[in-house]
Amino acid sequence: APEALIAGAASIDLDDWRKHAAYQEAQLAFAFSTECFWCAMDEFTVDERIKVLQFATGLTSPPAGGFRNLVGYLGDAVPFTL
């Protein structure tokens, strides 16, 4: 919807978040702790997911177009990184 492009998504698509996440080290993509993080996120309410997003990025909603459009302070593309 056009509103989502202006204000960002009203909810958090966990599949999109996970798909566009990066990992500091390749083995972390398959680590137990990483799987625990995603399992916890799956159990969280939308409000709890928003709090995690805000803590990690400063955003209260995903960027317009989804997590592939996450940018850093300098405006460069920066994936959510575990």
C-alpha atoms as a PDB file:
ATOM      1  CA  ALA A   1       0.000   0.000   0.000  1.00  0.00           C
ATOM      2  CA  PRO A   2       1.235   3.557  -0.643  1.00  0.00           C
ATOM      3  CA  GLU A   3       0.936   4.346   3.072  1.00  0.00           C
ATOM      4  CA  ALA A   4       3.527   1.652   3.850  1.00  0.00           C
ATOM      5  CA  LEU A   5       6.002   3.303   1.487  1.00  0.00           C
ATOM      6  CA  ILE A   6       5.689   6.563   3.376  1.00  0.00           C
ATOM      7  CA  ALA A   7       5.478   5.379   6.970  1.00  0.00           C
ATOM      8  CA  GLY A   8       7.040   1.909   6.803  1.00  0.00           C
ATOM      9  CA  ALA A   9       5.279  -1.332   7.593  1.00  0.00           C
ATOM     10  CA  ALA A  10       2.716  -1.469  10.400  1.00  0.00           C
ATOM     11  CA  SER A  11       3.943  -4.905  11.479  1.00  0.00           C
ATOM     12  CA  ILE A  12       7.218  -6.771  11.264  1.00  0.00           C
ATOM     13  CA  ASP A  13       7.632  -9.547   8.721  1.00  0.00           C
ATOM     14  CA  LEU A  14       9.968 -11.929  10.522  1.00  0.00           C
ATOM     15  CA  ASP A  15      10.657 -13.957   7.370  1.00  0.00           C
ATOM     16  CA  ASP A  16      11.792 -10.783   5.584  1.00  0.00           C
ATOM     17  CA  TRP A  17      13.923  -9.756   8.583  1.00  0.00           C
ATOM     18  CA  ARG A  18      15.627 -13.145   8.730  1.00  0.00           C
ATOM     19  CA  LYS A  19      16.105 -13.310   4.945  1.00  0.00           C
ATOM     20  CA  HIS A  20      17.924  -9.979   4.892  1.00  0.00           C
ATOM     21  CA  ALA A  21      19.952 -10.443   8.082  1.00  0.00           C
ATOM     22  CA  ALA A  22      23.720 -10.745   7.977  1.00  0.00           C
ATOM     23  CA  TYR A  23      26.116 -12.454  10.359  1.00  0.00           C
ATOM     24  CA  GLN A  24      29.453 -11.165  11.626  1.00  0.00           C
ATOM     25  CA  GLU A  25      30.954 -14.574  11.003  1.00  0.00           C
ATOM     26  CA  ALA A  26      29.632 -17.162   8.553  1.00  0.00           C
ATOM     27  CA  GLN A  27      29.289 -19.903  11.176  1.00  0.00           C
ATOM     28  CA  LEU A  28      26.959 -17.666  13.214  1.00  0.00           C
ATOM     29  CA  ALA A  29      24.267 -18.198  10.574  1.00  0.00           C
ATOM     30  CA  PHE A  30      23.982 -21.772  11.861  1.00  0.00           C
ATOM     31  CA  ALA A  31      24.882 -21.248  15.529  1.00  0.00           C
ATOM     32  CA  PHE A  32      22.614 -22.383  18.351  1.00  0.00           C
ATOM     33  CA  SER A  33      22.501 -18.845  19.762  1.00  0.00           C
ATOM     34  CA  THR A  34      21.345 -17.468  16.416  1.00  0.00           C
ATOM     35  CA  GLU A  35      18.610 -20.081  16.176  1.00  0.00           C
ATOM     36  CA  CYS A  36      17.557 -19.167  19.731  1.00  0.00           C
ATOM     37  CA  PHE A  37      17.354 -15.495  18.704  1.00  0.00           C
ATOM     38  CA  TRP A  38      15.070 -16.265  15.752  1.00  0.00           C
ATOM     39  CA  CYS A  39      12.949 -18.670  17.828  1.00  0.00           C
ATOM     40  CA  ALA A  40      12.511 -15.971  20.469  1.00  0.00           C
ATOM     41  CA  MET A  41      11.603 -13.419  17.808  1.00  0.00           C
ATOM     42  CA  ASP A  42       9.043 -15.873  16.444  1.00  0.00           C
ATOM     43  CA  GLU A  43       7.418 -16.083  19.895  1.00  0.00           C
ATOM     44  CA  PHE A  44       7.493 -12.324  20.526  1.00  0.00           C
ATOM     45  CA  THR A  45       4.477 -10.108  20.016  1.00  0.00           C
ATOM     46  CA  VAL A  46       4.647  -7.362  17.391  1.00  0.00           C
ATOM     47  CA  ASP A  47       5.319  -4.829  20.172  1.00  0.00           C
ATOM     48  CA  GLU A  48       8.216  -6.911  21.489  1.00  0.00           C
ATOM     49  CA  ARG A  49       9.679  -7.253  17.986  1.00  0.00           C
ATOM     50  CA  ILE A  50       9.429  -3.488  17.559  1.00  0.00           C
ATOM     51  CA  LYS A  51      11.352  -3.016  20.814  1.00  0.00           C
ATOM     52  CA  VAL A  52      14.142  -5.314  19.578  1.00  0.00           C
ATOM     53  CA  LEU A  53      14.228  -3.475  16.250  1.00  0.00           C
ATOM     54  CA  GLN A  54      14.354  -0.129  18.030  1.00  0.00           C
ATOM     55  CA  PHE A  55      17.128  -1.270  20.371  1.00  0.00           C
ATOM     56  CA  ALA A  56      19.232  -2.592  17.497  1.00  0.00           C
ATOM     57  CA  THR A  57      18.580   0.073  14.840  1.00  0.00           C
ATOM     58  CA  GLY A  58      16.792   3.047  16.383  1.00  0.00           C
ATOM     59  CA  LEU A  59      13.781   2.381  14.105  1.00  0.00           C
ATOM     60  CA  THR A  60      10.261   1.742  15.368  1.00  0.00           C
ATOM     61  CA  SER A  61       9.179   0.087  12.109  1.00  0.00           C
ATOM     62  CA  PRO A  62      10.928  -1.675   9.253  1.00  0.00           C
ATOM     63  CA  PRO A  63      12.043   0.555   6.406  1.00  0.00           C
ATOM     64  CA  ALA A  64       9.692   1.050   3.470  1.00  0.00           C
ATOM     65  CA  GLY A  65      10.150  -1.904   1.145  1.00  0.00           C
ATOM     66  CA  GLY A  66      11.349  -4.216   3.907  1.00  0.00           C
ATOM     67  CA  PHE A  67      14.600  -5.083   5.595  1.00  0.00           C
ATOM     68  CA  ARG A  68      16.569  -5.133   2.343  1.00  0.00           C
ATOM     69  CA  ASN A  69      16.289  -1.329   2.484  1.00  0.00           C
ATOM     70  CA  LEU A  70      17.794  -0.930   5.959  1.00  0.00           C
ATOM     71  CA  VAL A  71      20.358   1.875   5.949  1.00  0.00           C
ATOM     72  CA  GLY A  72      22.975   3.108   8.385  1.00  0.00           C
ATOM     73  CA  TYR A  73      23.554   6.596   9.757  1.00  0.00           C
ATOM     74  CA  LEU A  74      25.436   7.622   6.627  1.00  0.00           C
ATOM     75  CA  GLY A  75      22.642   6.478   4.315  1.00  0.00           C
ATOM     76  CA  ASP A  76      24.518   3.409   3.114  1.00  0.00           C
ATOM     77  CA  ALA A  77      22.925  -0.045   2.918  1.00  0.00           C
ATOM     78  CA  VAL A  78      23.578  -1.837   6.203  1.00  0.00           C
ATOM     79  CA  PRO A  79      21.914  -5.182   6.921  1.00  0.00           C
ATOM     80  CA  PHE A  80      20.677  -6.144  10.377  1.00  0.00           C
ATOM     81  CA  THR A  81      23.707  -8.062  11.672  1.00  0.00           C
ATOM     82  CA  LEU A  82      23.961 -10.739  14.314  1.00  0.00           C
END
